[in-house]
Amino acid sequence: MRGLHRQALRAAALACALGALALGAGCGPEDDSSAAGEHELLGERPGRLTCTEWNAGTPEQRRGTIDQLTLLAGANANPEEVGPNRTLSDEDAYEALDTTCSRNLARGFLLYEIYNRAAAFSFEES
């Protein structure tokens, strides 16, 4: 039962984040500084962002994008069959993306692919 509760919370957070991206707004009360829309983003579609956008982004935009990537990576349609998805801490995600994107040959790499591959080898579960 506890797993279903966690799954429902993740699904709600993902829906909120995707809705916020589409509407350009945060979730929850407007005065809540911990809302999903707190940070700026590198772009409106986190699944299409590349190292080029990462390198051009500000630290605030990078943190907001990591928040979105974590929400997307943590969502799982069938955790009973495949287990929980793995996510990274903000610090580990920033390091993985920054280290990979610092290489010129990585300029076209997708951020979500870098994130998901790093998370697959992490020992933390979402």
N, C-alpha and C. Protein backbone atom coordinates (compact mmCIF):
# COMPACT_ATOMS: atom_id res chain seq x y z
N MET A 1 0.82 -1.19 0.00
CA MET A 1 0.00 0.00 0.00
C MET A 1 0.87 1.26 0.00
N ARG A 2 1.97 1.20 0.75
CA ARG A 2 2.86 2.35 0.83
C ARG A 2 3.45 2.70 -0.54
N GLY A 3 3.77 1.66 -1.33
CA GLY A 3 4.29 1.87 -2.67
C GLY A 3 3.30 2.57 -3.58
N LEU A 4 2.03 2.24 -3.43
CA LEU A 4 1.01 2.91 -4.22
C LEU A 4 0.90 4.37 -3.86
N HIS A 5 1.04 4.68 -2.56
CA HIS A 5 0.99 6.07 -2.12
C HIS A 5 2.16 6.85 -2.73
N ARG A 6 3.36 6.27 -2.69
CA ARG A 6 4.53 6.93 -3.28
C ARG A 6 4.35 7.13 -4.77
N GLN A 7 3.79 6.12 -5.44
CA GLN A 7 3.55 6.21 -6.87
C GLN A 7 2.56 7.34 -7.18
N ALA A 8 1.52 7.44 -6.39
CA ALA A 8 0.52 8.50 -6.60
C ALA A 8 1.14 9.87 -6.38
N LEU A 9 1.99 10.00 -5.37
CA LEU A 9 2.67 11.29 -5.14
C LEU A 9 3.58 11.64 -6.30
N ARG A 10 4.31 10.67 -6.80
CA ARG A 10 5.20 10.92 -7.94
C ARG A 10 4.40 11.33 -9.17
N ALA A 11 3.31 10.63 -9.43
CA ALA A 11 2.47 10.94 -10.58
C ALA A 11 1.91 12.36 -10.46
N ALA A 12 1.48 12.73 -9.27
CA ALA A 12 0.95 14.08 -9.06
C ALA A 12 2.04 15.13 -9.25
N ALA A 13 3.23 14.85 -8.76
CA ALA A 13 4.35 15.80 -8.92
C ALA A 13 4.72 15.94 -10.39
N LEU A 14 4.74 14.83 -11.12
CA LEU A 14 5.06 14.88 -12.53
C LEU A 14 4.00 15.65 -13.30
N ALA A 15 2.73 15.38 -13.02
CA ALA A 15 1.65 16.10 -13.69
C ALA A 15 1.73 17.59 -13.41
N CYS A 16 2.05 17.93 -12.17
CA CYS A 16 2.18 19.33 -11.79
C CYS A 16 3.34 19.97 -12.56
N ALA A 17 4.46 19.28 -12.61
CA ALA A 17 5.63 19.83 -13.28
C ALA A 17 5.39 20.00 -14.77
N LEU A 18 4.79 19.00 -15.41
CA LEU A 18 4.52 19.11 -16.84
C LEU A 18 3.48 20.18 -17.12
N GLY A 19 2.48 20.28 -16.26
CA GLY A 19 1.48 21.35 -16.42
C GLY A 19 2.11 22.72 -16.24
N ALA A 20 3.03 22.82 -15.30
CA ALA A 20 3.72 24.10 -15.07
C ALA A 20 4.55 24.48 -16.27
N LEU A 21 5.19 23.49 -16.90
CA LEU A 21 5.97 23.78 -18.09
C LEU A 21 5.07 24.27 -19.21
N ALA A 22 3.93 23.63 -19.39
CA ALA A 22 3.02 24.00 -20.46
C ALA A 22 2.40 25.37 -20.22
N LEU A 23 2.10 25.68 -18.98
CA LEU A 23 1.43 26.94 -18.67
C LEU A 23 2.39 28.04 -18.25
N GLY A 24 3.64 27.70 -18.02
CA GLY A 24 4.60 28.69 -17.56
C GLY A 24 4.35 29.12 -16.13
N ALA A 25 3.76 28.26 -15.34
CA ALA A 25 3.43 28.59 -13.95
C ALA A 25 3.93 27.51 -13.02
N GLY A 26 3.95 27.83 -11.73
CA GLY A 26 4.32 26.85 -10.71
C GLY A 26 3.09 26.09 -10.25
N CYS A 27 3.27 25.21 -9.29
CA CYS A 27 2.16 24.44 -8.73
C CYS A 27 1.94 24.89 -7.31
N GLY A 28 0.72 24.80 -6.86
CA GLY A 28 0.43 25.16 -5.48
C GLY A 28 0.24 26.65 -5.33
N PRO A 29 0.21 27.11 -4.09
CA PRO A 29 -0.01 28.53 -3.84
C PRO A 29 1.11 29.38 -4.44
N GLU A 30 0.77 30.58 -4.90
CA GLU A 30 1.75 31.43 -5.55
C GLU A 30 2.83 31.91 -4.60
N ASP A 31 2.54 32.00 -3.31
CA ASP A 31 3.54 32.49 -2.37
C ASP A 31 4.41 31.37 -1.81
N ASP A 32 4.20 30.13 -2.28
CA ASP A 32 5.00 28.99 -1.81
C ASP A 32 6.32 28.97 -2.56
N SER A 33 7.42 29.27 -1.86
CA SER A 33 8.73 29.35 -2.50
C SER A 33 9.27 27.98 -2.86
N SER A 34 8.65 26.90 -2.40
CA SER A 34 9.12 25.57 -2.74
C SER A 34 8.33 24.95 -3.89
N ALA A 35 7.52 25.74 -4.58
CA ALA A 35 6.73 25.24 -5.69
C ALA A 35 7.65 24.82 -6.83
N ALA A 36 7.12 23.95 -7.71
CA ALA A 36 7.91 23.41 -8.81
C ALA A 36 8.41 24.51 -9.74
N GLY A 37 7.72 25.63 -9.84
CA GLY A 37 8.11 26.70 -10.73
C GLY A 37 9.11 27.66 -10.11
N GLU A 38 9.74 27.29 -9.00
CA GLU A 38 10.63 28.19 -8.28
C GLU A 38 11.86 28.58 -9.10
N HIS A 39 12.46 27.62 -9.77
CA HIS A 39 13.68 27.88 -10.54
C HIS A 39 13.32 28.15 -12.00
N GLU A 40 14.20 28.89 -12.65
CA GLU A 40 14.08 29.05 -14.09
C GLU A 40 14.48 27.74 -14.75
N LEU A 41 14.14 27.59 -16.02
CA LEU A 41 14.48 26.38 -16.75
C LEU A 41 15.34 26.73 -17.96
N LEU A 42 16.11 25.76 -18.43
CA LEU A 42 16.90 25.95 -19.64
C LEU A 42 16.02 25.99 -20.88
N GLY A 43 14.88 25.33 -20.82
CA GLY A 43 13.95 25.27 -21.94
C GLY A 43 12.65 24.66 -21.50
N GLU A 44 11.65 24.72 -22.34
CA GLU A 44 10.32 24.24 -21.98
C GLU A 44 10.18 22.72 -22.06
N ARG A 45 11.05 22.04 -22.78
CA ARG A 45 10.92 20.60 -22.96
C ARG A 45 12.19 19.92 -22.46
N PRO A 46 12.20 19.49 -21.20
CA PRO A 46 13.42 18.92 -20.62
C PRO A 46 13.94 17.70 -21.37
N GLY A 47 13.08 16.96 -22.04
CA GLY A 47 13.50 15.79 -22.78
C GLY A 47 14.25 16.09 -24.06
N ARG A 48 14.27 17.35 -24.47
CA ARG A 48 14.95 17.73 -25.72
C ARG A 48 16.16 18.63 -25.49
N LEU A 49 16.46 18.91 -24.24
CA LEU A 49 17.58 19.79 -23.94
C LEU A 49 18.91 19.06 -24.13
N THR A 50 19.88 19.79 -24.64
CA THR A 50 21.20 19.20 -24.88
C THR A 50 22.26 19.91 -24.05
N CYS A 51 23.47 19.40 -24.15
CA CYS A 51 24.59 20.03 -23.45
C CYS A 51 24.82 21.46 -23.93
N THR A 52 24.45 21.78 -25.14
CA THR A 52 24.59 23.16 -25.63
C THR A 52 23.78 24.11 -24.76
N GLU A 53 22.53 23.74 -24.45
CA GLU A 53 21.70 24.58 -23.57
C GLU A 53 22.25 24.58 -22.15
N TRP A 54 22.73 23.44 -21.68
CA TRP A 54 23.32 23.36 -20.34
C TRP A 54 24.48 24.34 -20.22
N ASN A 55 25.38 24.32 -21.18
CA ASN A 55 26.56 25.19 -21.13
C ASN A 55 26.20 26.67 -21.24
N ALA A 56 25.12 26.99 -21.93
CA ALA A 56 24.70 28.39 -22.07
C ALA A 56 23.85 28.86 -20.89
N GLY A 57 23.38 27.94 -20.07
CA GLY A 57 22.46 28.28 -18.99
C GLY A 57 23.13 28.85 -17.76
N THR A 58 22.31 29.52 -16.97
CA THR A 58 22.77 30.05 -15.69
C THR A 58 22.66 28.94 -14.63
N PRO A 59 23.34 29.09 -13.50
CA PRO A 59 23.19 28.08 -12.44
C PRO A 59 21.73 27.91 -12.00
N GLU A 60 20.96 28.97 -11.96
CA GLU A 60 19.55 28.90 -11.58
C GLU A 60 18.75 28.07 -12.60
N GLN A 61 19.00 28.30 -13.87
CA GLN A 61 18.32 27.52 -14.91
C GLN A 61 18.72 26.05 -14.85
N ARG A 62 19.98 25.80 -14.57
CA ARG A 62 20.45 24.42 -14.46
C ARG A 62 19.77 23.71 -13.29
N ARG A 63 19.65 24.38 -12.14
CA ARG A 63 18.98 23.77 -10.98
C ARG A 63 17.52 23.48 -11.28
N GLY A 64 16.84 24.40 -11.94
CA GLY A 64 15.44 24.17 -12.31
C GLY A 64 15.29 23.00 -13.27
N THR A 65 16.21 22.88 -14.20
CA THR A 65 16.17 21.77 -15.15
C THR A 65 16.46 20.45 -14.45
N ILE A 66 17.37 20.44 -13.49
CA ILE A 66 17.62 19.22 -12.71
C ILE A 66 16.37 18.82 -11.95
N ASP A 67 15.65 19.79 -11.39
CA ASP A 67 14.39 19.48 -10.70
C ASP A 67 13.42 18.77 -11.65
N GLN A 68 13.30 19.28 -12.87
CA GLN A 68 12.39 18.69 -13.86
C GLN A 68 12.85 17.31 -14.28
N LEU A 69 14.16 17.15 -14.51
CA LEU A 69 14.68 15.84 -14.90
C LEU A 69 14.48 14.81 -13.79
N THR A 70 14.61 15.24 -12.55
CA THR A 70 14.40 14.34 -11.42
C THR A 70 12.94 13.90 -11.35
N LEU A 71 12.02 14.82 -11.56
CA LEU A 71 10.60 14.46 -11.58
C LEU A 71 10.29 13.47 -12.70
N LEU A 72 10.84 13.72 -13.88
CA LEU A 72 10.60 12.82 -15.00
C LEU A 72 11.23 11.45 -14.76
N ALA A 73 12.44 11.43 -14.24
CA ALA A 73 13.13 10.15 -14.00
C ALA A 73 12.47 9.36 -12.89
N GLY A 74 11.90 10.02 -11.91
CA GLY A 74 11.29 9.34 -10.78
C GLY A 74 9.92 8.77 -11.06
N ALA A 75 9.26 9.24 -12.13
CA ALA A 75 7.93 8.75 -12.47
C ALA A 75 8.05 7.34 -13.04
N ASN A 76 7.16 6.47 -12.62
CA ASN A 76 7.20 5.09 -13.07
C ASN A 76 5.78 4.57 -13.18
N ALA A 77 5.41 4.12 -14.35
CA ALA A 77 4.05 3.66 -14.58
C ALA A 77 3.76 2.31 -13.95
N ASN A 78 4.78 1.48 -13.76
CA ASN A 78 4.53 0.14 -13.23
C ASN A 78 5.64 -0.31 -12.27
N PRO A 79 5.74 0.32 -11.09
CA PRO A 79 6.81 -0.04 -10.17
C PRO A 79 6.71 -1.46 -9.63
N GLU A 80 5.51 -2.05 -9.65
CA GLU A 80 5.37 -3.43 -9.17
C GLU A 80 6.12 -4.41 -10.07
N GLU A 81 6.19 -4.10 -11.35
CA GLU A 81 6.84 -4.99 -12.30
C GLU A 81 8.33 -4.74 -12.44
N VAL A 82 8.74 -3.48 -12.41
CA VAL A 82 10.15 -3.17 -12.68
C VAL A 82 10.87 -2.57 -11.48
N GLY A 83 10.16 -2.30 -10.41
CA GLY A 83 10.79 -1.69 -9.24
C GLY A 83 10.85 -0.18 -9.37
N PRO A 84 11.32 0.48 -8.33
CA PRO A 84 11.35 1.95 -8.36
C PRO A 84 12.42 2.47 -9.31
N ASN A 85 12.15 3.60 -9.91
CA ASN A 85 13.14 4.25 -10.75
C ASN A 85 14.21 4.88 -9.89
N ARG A 86 15.37 5.00 -10.42
CA ARG A 86 16.48 5.62 -9.69
C ARG A 86 16.58 7.09 -10.08
N THR A 87 16.86 7.91 -9.08
CA THR A 87 17.11 9.33 -9.31
C THR A 87 18.43 9.70 -8.64
N LEU A 88 18.90 10.89 -8.95
CA LEU A 88 20.14 11.39 -8.39
C LEU A 88 19.86 12.52 -7.43
N SER A 89 20.75 12.71 -6.47
CA SER A 89 20.67 13.91 -5.64
C SER A 89 20.97 15.10 -6.55
N ASP A 90 20.56 16.28 -6.15
CA ASP A 90 20.83 17.47 -6.96
C ASP A 90 22.32 17.65 -7.22
N GLU A 91 23.13 17.40 -6.21
CA GLU A 91 24.58 17.56 -6.34
C GLU A 91 25.15 16.56 -7.34
N ASP A 92 24.73 15.29 -7.24
CA ASP A 92 25.22 14.26 -8.16
C ASP A 92 24.75 14.54 -9.59
N ALA A 93 23.51 14.99 -9.74
CA ALA A 93 22.99 15.30 -11.07
C ALA A 93 23.77 16.46 -11.69
N TYR A 94 24.01 17.51 -10.89
CA TYR A 94 24.74 18.67 -11.40
C TYR A 94 26.14 18.24 -11.84
N GLU A 95 26.80 17.43 -11.01
CA GLU A 95 28.15 16.98 -11.34
C GLU A 95 28.16 16.12 -12.61
N ALA A 96 27.22 15.20 -12.73
CA ALA A 96 27.16 14.33 -13.91
C ALA A 96 26.93 15.15 -15.18
N LEU A 97 25.99 16.07 -15.12
CA LEU A 97 25.69 16.88 -16.30
C LEU A 97 26.82 17.85 -16.62
N ASP A 98 27.37 18.49 -15.61
CA ASP A 98 28.43 19.47 -15.83
C ASP A 98 29.70 18.81 -16.36
N THR A 99 30.04 17.66 -15.80
CA THR A 99 31.25 16.96 -16.23
C THR A 99 31.11 16.47 -17.67
N THR A 100 29.97 15.87 -17.98
CA THR A 100 29.76 15.37 -19.34
C THR A 100 29.69 16.50 -20.34
N CYS A 101 28.93 17.54 -20.02
CA CYS A 101 28.73 18.64 -20.96
C CYS A 101 29.95 19.53 -21.13
N SER A 102 30.95 19.39 -20.27
CA SER A 102 32.16 20.19 -20.41
C SER A 102 32.99 19.75 -21.61
N ARG A 103 32.72 18.57 -22.13
CA ARG A 103 33.44 18.06 -23.30
C ARG A 103 32.77 18.57 -24.57
N ASN A 104 33.56 19.09 -25.48
CA ASN A 104 33.03 19.66 -26.71
C ASN A 104 32.25 18.64 -27.54
N LEU A 105 32.69 17.39 -27.54
CA LEU A 105 32.00 16.38 -28.34
C LEU A 105 30.61 16.07 -27.81
N ALA A 106 30.29 16.49 -26.59
CA ALA A 106 29.00 16.18 -25.97
C ALA A 106 27.94 17.25 -26.23
N ARG A 107 28.24 18.25 -27.02
CA ARG A 107 27.31 19.38 -27.17
C ARG A 107 25.91 18.97 -27.63
N GLY A 108 25.76 17.86 -28.34
CA GLY A 108 24.45 17.41 -28.80
C GLY A 108 23.83 16.33 -27.93
N PHE A 109 24.52 15.93 -26.86
CA PHE A 109 23.98 14.89 -25.97
C PHE A 109 22.73 15.41 -25.26
N LEU A 110 21.73 14.55 -25.12
CA LEU A 110 20.51 14.91 -24.41
C LEU A 110 20.72 14.82 -22.91
N LEU A 111 20.29 15.88 -22.20
CA LEU A 111 20.48 15.92 -20.75
C LEU A 111 19.76 14.77 -20.04
N TYR A 112 18.54 14.44 -20.50
CA TYR A 112 17.82 13.37 -19.80
C TYR A 112 18.51 12.02 -19.97
N GLU A 113 19.19 11.82 -21.11
CA GLU A 113 19.93 10.57 -21.31
C GLU A 113 21.13 10.51 -20.36
N ILE A 114 21.83 11.61 -20.22
CA ILE A 114 22.97 11.66 -19.29
C ILE A 114 22.47 11.40 -17.88
N TYR A 115 21.40 12.07 -17.50
CA TYR A 115 20.83 11.91 -16.16
C TYR A 115 20.43 10.46 -15.90
N ASN A 116 19.65 9.88 -16.82
CA ASN A 116 19.15 8.52 -16.61
C ASN A 116 20.27 7.49 -16.57
N ARG A 117 21.28 7.67 -17.38
CA ARG A 117 22.40 6.72 -17.35
C ARG A 117 23.18 6.83 -16.05
N ALA A 118 23.39 8.05 -15.58
CA ALA A 118 24.09 8.23 -14.29
C ALA A 118 23.25 7.67 -13.16
N ALA A 119 21.94 7.89 -13.21
CA ALA A 119 21.06 7.39 -12.15
C ALA A 119 21.01 5.86 -12.13
N ALA A 120 21.12 5.25 -13.30
CA ALA A 120 21.09 3.78 -13.35
C ALA A 120 22.24 3.16 -12.58
N PHE A 121 23.34 3.89 -12.47
CA PHE A 121 24.51 3.37 -11.76
C PHE A 121 24.64 3.92 -10.34
N SER A 122 23.63 4.66 -9.91
CA SER A 122 23.67 5.19 -8.55
C SER A 122 23.11 4.14 -7.58
N PHE A 123 23.36 4.33 -6.31
CA PHE A 123 22.87 3.40 -5.31
C PHE A 123 21.66 3.95 -4.57
N GLU A 124 21.17 5.12 -4.96
CA GLU A 124 20.01 5.72 -4.33
C GLU A 124 18.78 5.38 -5.13
N GLU A 125 17.66 5.14 -4.45
CA GLU A 125 16.39 4.92 -5.12
C GLU A 125 15.48 6.10 -4.83
N SER A 126 14.61 6.41 -5.80
CA SER A 126 13.68 7.53 -5.57
C SER A 126 12.56 7.12 -4.67
